[in-house]
Amino acid sequence: MFRFAHPEYLYALAVLPLILLVYFYHLRWKTKARKQFGDLALVERLAPNVSKNQTGNKIGIELTWDFISHYRLC
């Protein structure tokens, strides 16, 4: 029988697929909303300063911060 020294880390890993599922659903929703708004190429030309990676960077920073603050690794 396996015993984990820190089972809370195992629970955090169990929640990770759910968080990724919500993230990819959000990306799909954003793309659909842009397509509904108008031609995708035209929307990208009209809003050139919109970052494509901002959402991914933001979720990565938030997950890291939540992990560090929750488990007090600092």
Protein backbone atom coordinates (compact mmCIF):
# COMPACT_ATOMS: atom_id res chain seq x y z
CA MET A 1 0.00 0.00 0.00
CA PHE A 2 1.30 3.43 -0.91
CA ARG A 3 1.22 6.28 1.57
CA PHE A 4 1.92 9.81 0.49
CA ALA A 5 3.79 12.16 2.77
CA HIS A 6 1.74 15.11 1.47
CA PRO A 7 -1.64 13.93 0.13
CA GLU A 8 -2.71 17.56 -0.49
CA TYR A 9 -0.31 17.65 -3.45
CA LEU A 10 -2.04 14.60 -4.86
CA TYR A 11 -5.40 16.35 -4.53
CA ALA A 12 -3.98 19.39 -6.30
CA LEU A 13 -2.91 17.15 -9.17
CA ALA A 14 -6.42 15.69 -9.31
CA VAL A 15 -7.91 19.17 -9.77
CA LEU A 16 -5.48 20.12 -12.54
CA PRO A 17 -7.37 18.34 -15.39
CA LEU A 18 -10.56 20.16 -14.40
CA ILE A 19 -8.77 23.52 -14.50
CA LEU A 20 -7.29 22.71 -17.92
CA LEU A 21 -10.71 21.66 -19.21
CA VAL A 22 -12.22 24.98 -18.12
CA TYR A 23 -9.29 26.86 -19.68
CA PHE A 24 -9.67 25.16 -23.08
CA TYR A 25 -13.43 25.68 -22.99
CA HIS A 26 -12.77 29.39 -22.41
CA LEU A 27 -10.39 29.53 -25.40
CA ARG A 28 -12.97 27.86 -27.62
CA TRP A 29 -15.66 30.25 -26.41
CA LYS A 30 -13.45 33.28 -27.19
CA THR A 31 -12.77 32.04 -30.72
CA LYS A 32 -16.48 31.42 -31.34
CA ALA A 33 -17.34 34.88 -30.03
CA ARG A 34 -14.80 36.49 -32.38
CA LYS A 35 -16.20 34.52 -35.32
CA GLN A 36 -19.72 35.65 -34.43
CA PHE A 37 -18.58 39.24 -34.18
CA GLY A 38 -17.33 39.22 -37.76
CA ASP A 39 -14.75 37.85 -40.13
CA LEU A 40 -11.89 36.49 -38.03
CA ALA A 41 -9.15 38.01 -40.22
CA LEU A 42 -10.89 41.39 -40.16
CA VAL A 43 -11.33 41.29 -36.38
CA GLU A 44 -7.62 40.53 -35.97
CA ARG A 45 -6.72 43.45 -38.26
CA LEU A 46 -9.01 45.82 -36.35
CA ALA A 47 -7.60 44.78 -32.97
CA PRO A 48 -3.88 44.16 -33.57
CA ASN A 49 -2.85 44.79 -29.95
CA VAL A 50 -4.88 41.90 -28.53
CA SER A 51 -2.44 39.33 -27.19
CA LYS A 52 -3.02 35.71 -28.13
CA ASN A 53 -0.85 34.42 -25.28
CA GLN A 54 -2.13 36.65 -22.51
CA THR A 55 -4.76 34.20 -21.29
CA GLY A 56 -2.28 31.32 -21.17
CA ASN A 57 0.31 33.37 -19.34
CA LYS A 58 -2.30 34.67 -16.93
CA ILE A 59 -3.63 31.22 -16.01
CA GLY A 60 -0.08 29.94 -15.53
CA ILE A 61 0.80 32.78 -13.18
CA GLU A 62 -2.45 32.41 -11.26
CA LEU A 63 -2.03 28.65 -10.81
CA THR A 64 1.56 29.10 -9.67
CA TRP A 65 0.58 31.83 -7.22
CA ASP A 66 -2.31 29.76 -5.86
CA PHE A 67 -0.06 26.74 -5.42
CA ILE A 68 2.68 28.71 -3.67
CA SER A 69 0.32 30.65 -1.42
CA HIS A 70 -1.80 27.63 -0.52
CA TYR A 71 1.11 25.35 0.36
CA ARG A 72 3.36 28.16 1.65
CA LEU A 73 6.43 27.11 -0.31
CA CYS A 74 8.17 30.46 0.07
